[in-house]
């Protein structure tokens, strides 16, 4: 009889210990999954930061350009702005997936405006019309695009550092 009670108490003790061990293992498993998920998110944030910072350093290394309306300077300046814009556009196409959506709205708006002006300039060129004001506006938009890309990159990097 006493042996039966001791055996039953041992079985109940083992059962309670098993349940307790199961609960502890389950909680540890959930904690490990959360840690692994956070580690993956931190890896993504670190990758975004590194790539954005690298591209920002390239974009920021350019000296500012100013428009001059003397014909010989204007042509050279236009070429420089266009080259810089094309370089910034290529960088933006690489960087865009790394940005949060709200940080690309201003850049996308400037890009659409620039495309619209470029189409108008192409049409004017085929019609043999000169429109210095439109060319100047297009070049100004291209410079604004480069400046906005730098500002948005800096903002995105700042936001990534706060996460």
Protein backbone atom coordinates (compact mmCIF):
# COMPACT_ATOMS: atom_id res chain seq x y z
CA UNK A 1 0.00 0.00 0.00
CA UNK A 2 2.73 2.47 0.92
CA UNK A 3 4.67 1.33 -2.12
CA UNK A 4 1.64 2.04 -4.30
CA UNK A 5 1.26 5.54 -2.81
CA UNK A 6 4.95 6.28 -3.35
CA UNK A 7 4.76 5.00 -6.93
CA UNK A 8 1.65 7.10 -7.59
CA UNK A 9 3.31 10.18 -6.03
CA UNK A 10 6.40 9.60 -8.19
CA UNK A 11 4.25 9.33 -11.32
CA UNK A 12 2.35 12.53 -10.44
CA UNK A 13 5.68 14.29 -9.71
CA UNK A 14 7.14 13.16 -13.04
CA UNK A 15 3.94 14.26 -14.83
CA UNK A 16 4.03 17.73 -13.19
CA UNK A 17 7.77 18.06 -13.95
CA UNK A 18 7.10 17.06 -17.59
CA UNK A 19 4.39 19.72 -17.93
CA UNK A 20 6.63 22.32 -16.34
CA UNK A 21 9.55 21.38 -18.65
CA UNK A 22 7.23 21.56 -21.68
CA UNK A 23 6.08 25.08 -20.69
CA UNK A 24 9.67 26.26 -20.14
CA UNK A 25 10.82 24.76 -23.48
CA UNK A 26 7.86 26.31 -25.31
CA UNK A 27 8.56 29.75 -23.82
CA UNK A 28 12.28 29.43 -24.65
CA UNK A 29 11.40 28.46 -28.22
CA UNK A 30 9.16 31.51 -28.65
CA UNK A 31 11.86 33.76 -27.19
CA UNK A 32 14.48 32.31 -29.55
CA UNK A 33 12.16 32.86 -32.53
CA UNK A 34 11.67 36.49 -31.50
CA UNK A 35 15.41 36.97 -31.08
CA UNK A 36 16.06 35.42 -34.50
CA UNK A 37 13.42 37.62 -36.13
CA UNK A 38 14.93 40.73 -34.49
CA UNK A 39 18.39 39.64 -35.62
CA UNK A 40 17.15 39.37 -39.22
CA UNK A 41 15.50 42.81 -39.01
CA UNK A 42 18.70 44.30 -37.62
CA UNK A 43 20.64 42.70 -40.48
CA UNK A 44 18.27 44.29 -43.01
CA UNK A 45 18.49 47.67 -41.30
CA UNK A 46 22.28 47.42 -41.24
CA UNK A 47 22.36 46.54 -44.98
CA UNK A 48 20.05 49.45 -45.81
CA UNK A 49 22.19 51.82 -43.74
CA UNK A 50 25.46 50.70 -45.32
CA UNK A 51 24.15 50.91 -48.90
CA UNK A 52 22.40 54.26 -48.37
CA UNK A 53 25.47 55.70 -46.66
CA UNK A 54 27.76 54.49 -49.44
CA UNK A 55 25.55 56.06 -52.14
CA UNK A 56 25.11 59.24 -50.10
CA UNK A 57 28.88 59.65 -49.87
CA UNK A 58 29.12 59.34 -53.67
CA UNK A 59 26.29 61.82 -54.23
CA UNK A 60 27.63 64.28 -51.65
CA UNK A 61 31.13 64.28 -53.12
CA UNK A 62 29.96 66.39 -56.10
CA UNK A 63 30.63 70.11 -55.95
CA UNK A 64 27.57 72.37 -56.36
CA UNK A 65 26.96 73.74 -59.84
CA UNK A 66 25.57 77.13 -60.74
CA UNK A 67 23.80 78.11 -63.93
CA UNK A 68 25.45 80.77 -66.03
CA UNK A 69 23.60 82.22 -68.95
CA UNK A 70 26.62 83.04 -71.11
CA UNK A 71 26.34 80.69 -74.12
CA UNK A 72 29.71 78.92 -73.71
CA UNK A 73 29.31 78.44 -69.95
CA UNK A 74 25.66 77.51 -70.25
CA UNK A 75 26.39 74.58 -72.57
CA UNK A 76 29.16 73.23 -70.32
CA UNK A 77 27.03 73.73 -67.22
CA UNK A 78 24.06 72.02 -68.88
CA UNK A 79 26.24 69.02 -69.72
CA UNK A 80 27.57 68.85 -66.16
CA UNK A 81 24.08 69.08 -64.65
CA UNK A 82 22.77 66.43 -67.05
CA UNK A 83 25.67 64.08 -66.27
CA UNK A 84 25.16 64.59 -62.54
CA UNK A 85 21.41 64.06 -62.92
CA UNK A 86 21.92 60.81 -64.85
CA UNK A 87 24.38 59.61 -62.22
CA UNK A 88 21.94 60.55 -59.43
CA UNK A 89 19.07 58.89 -61.29
CA UNK A 90 21.04 55.65 -61.61
CA UNK A 91 21.90 55.83 -57.91
CA UNK A 92 18.25 56.48 -57.07
CA UNK A 93 17.08 53.45 -59.03
CA UNK A 94 19.49 51.32 -56.98
CA UNK A 95 18.63 53.05 -53.69
CA UNK A 96 14.85 53.26 -54.07
CA UNK A 97 14.10 49.81 -52.59
CA UNK A 98 16.13 50.81 -49.52
CA UNK A 99 13.97 53.87 -48.81
CA UNK A 100 10.76 53.99 -46.83
CA UNK A 101 7.89 55.01 -49.11
CA UNK A 102 7.30 58.39 -47.51
CA UNK A 103 10.92 59.40 -48.20
CA UNK A 104 10.57 58.88 -51.97
CA UNK A 105 7.43 60.92 -52.63
CA UNK A 106 9.23 64.24 -53.16
CA UNK A 107 11.91 62.61 -55.31
CA UNK A 108 9.33 60.82 -57.43
CA UNK A 109 7.37 64.05 -57.94
CA UNK A 110 10.50 65.87 -59.13
CA UNK A 111 11.36 62.95 -61.40
CA UNK A 112 7.92 63.00 -62.99
CA UNK A 113 8.13 66.77 -63.48
CA UNK A 114 11.56 66.38 -65.09
CA UNK A 115 10.28 63.67 -67.44
CA UNK A 116 7.38 65.93 -68.44
CA UNK A 117 9.73 68.84 -69.15
CA UNK A 118 12.08 66.58 -71.08
CA UNK A 119 9.21 65.44 -73.31
CA UNK A 120 8.23 69.07 -73.92
CA UNK A 121 11.84 69.94 -74.75
CA UNK A 122 12.09 67.04 -77.19
CA UNK A 123 8.88 68.18 -78.87
CA UNK A 124 10.21 71.76 -79.07
CA UNK A 125 13.49 70.51 -80.52
CA UNK A 126 11.70 68.62 -83.29
CA UNK A 127 9.67 71.73 -84.04
CA UNK A 128 12.93 73.76 -84.15
CA UNK A 129 11.75 76.01 -81.33
CA UNK A 130 14.11 77.52 -78.79
CA UNK A 131 12.87 77.76 -75.26
CA UNK A 132 15.67 78.82 -72.93
CA UNK A 133 13.23 79.24 -70.05
CA UNK A 134 12.07 75.62 -70.36
CA UNK A 135 15.67 74.39 -70.61
CA UNK A 136 16.58 76.43 -67.56
CA UNK A 137 13.58 75.02 -65.66
CA UNK A 138 14.49 71.46 -66.64
CA UNK A 139 18.06 71.97 -65.46
CA UNK A 140 16.79 73.51 -62.23
CA UNK A 141 14.51 70.51 -61.65
CA UNK A 142 17.46 68.19 -62.26
CA UNK A 143 19.50 70.04 -59.65
CA UNK A 144 16.56 69.94 -57.22
CA UNK A 145 16.28 66.19 -57.85
CA UNK A 146 19.93 65.70 -56.86
CA UNK A 147 19.52 67.87 -53.76
CA UNK A 148 16.28 66.13 -52.76
CA UNK A 149 17.91 62.72 -53.21
CA UNK A 150 20.72 63.74 -50.86
CA UNK A 151 18.26 65.18 -48.31
CA UNK A 152 16.02 62.10 -48.45
CA UNK A 153 19.04 59.82 -48.08
CA UNK A 154 20.16 61.72 -45.01
CA UNK A 155 16.66 61.55 -43.53
CA UNK A 156 16.38 57.81 -44.22
CA UNK A 157 19.77 57.15 -42.63
CA UNK A 158 18.74 59.18 -39.58
CA UNK A 159 15.51 57.15 -39.30
CA UNK A 160 17.44 53.87 -39.61
CA UNK A 161 19.76 54.93 -36.81
CA UNK A 162 16.78 55.57 -34.55
CA UNK A 163 15.36 52.07 -35.04
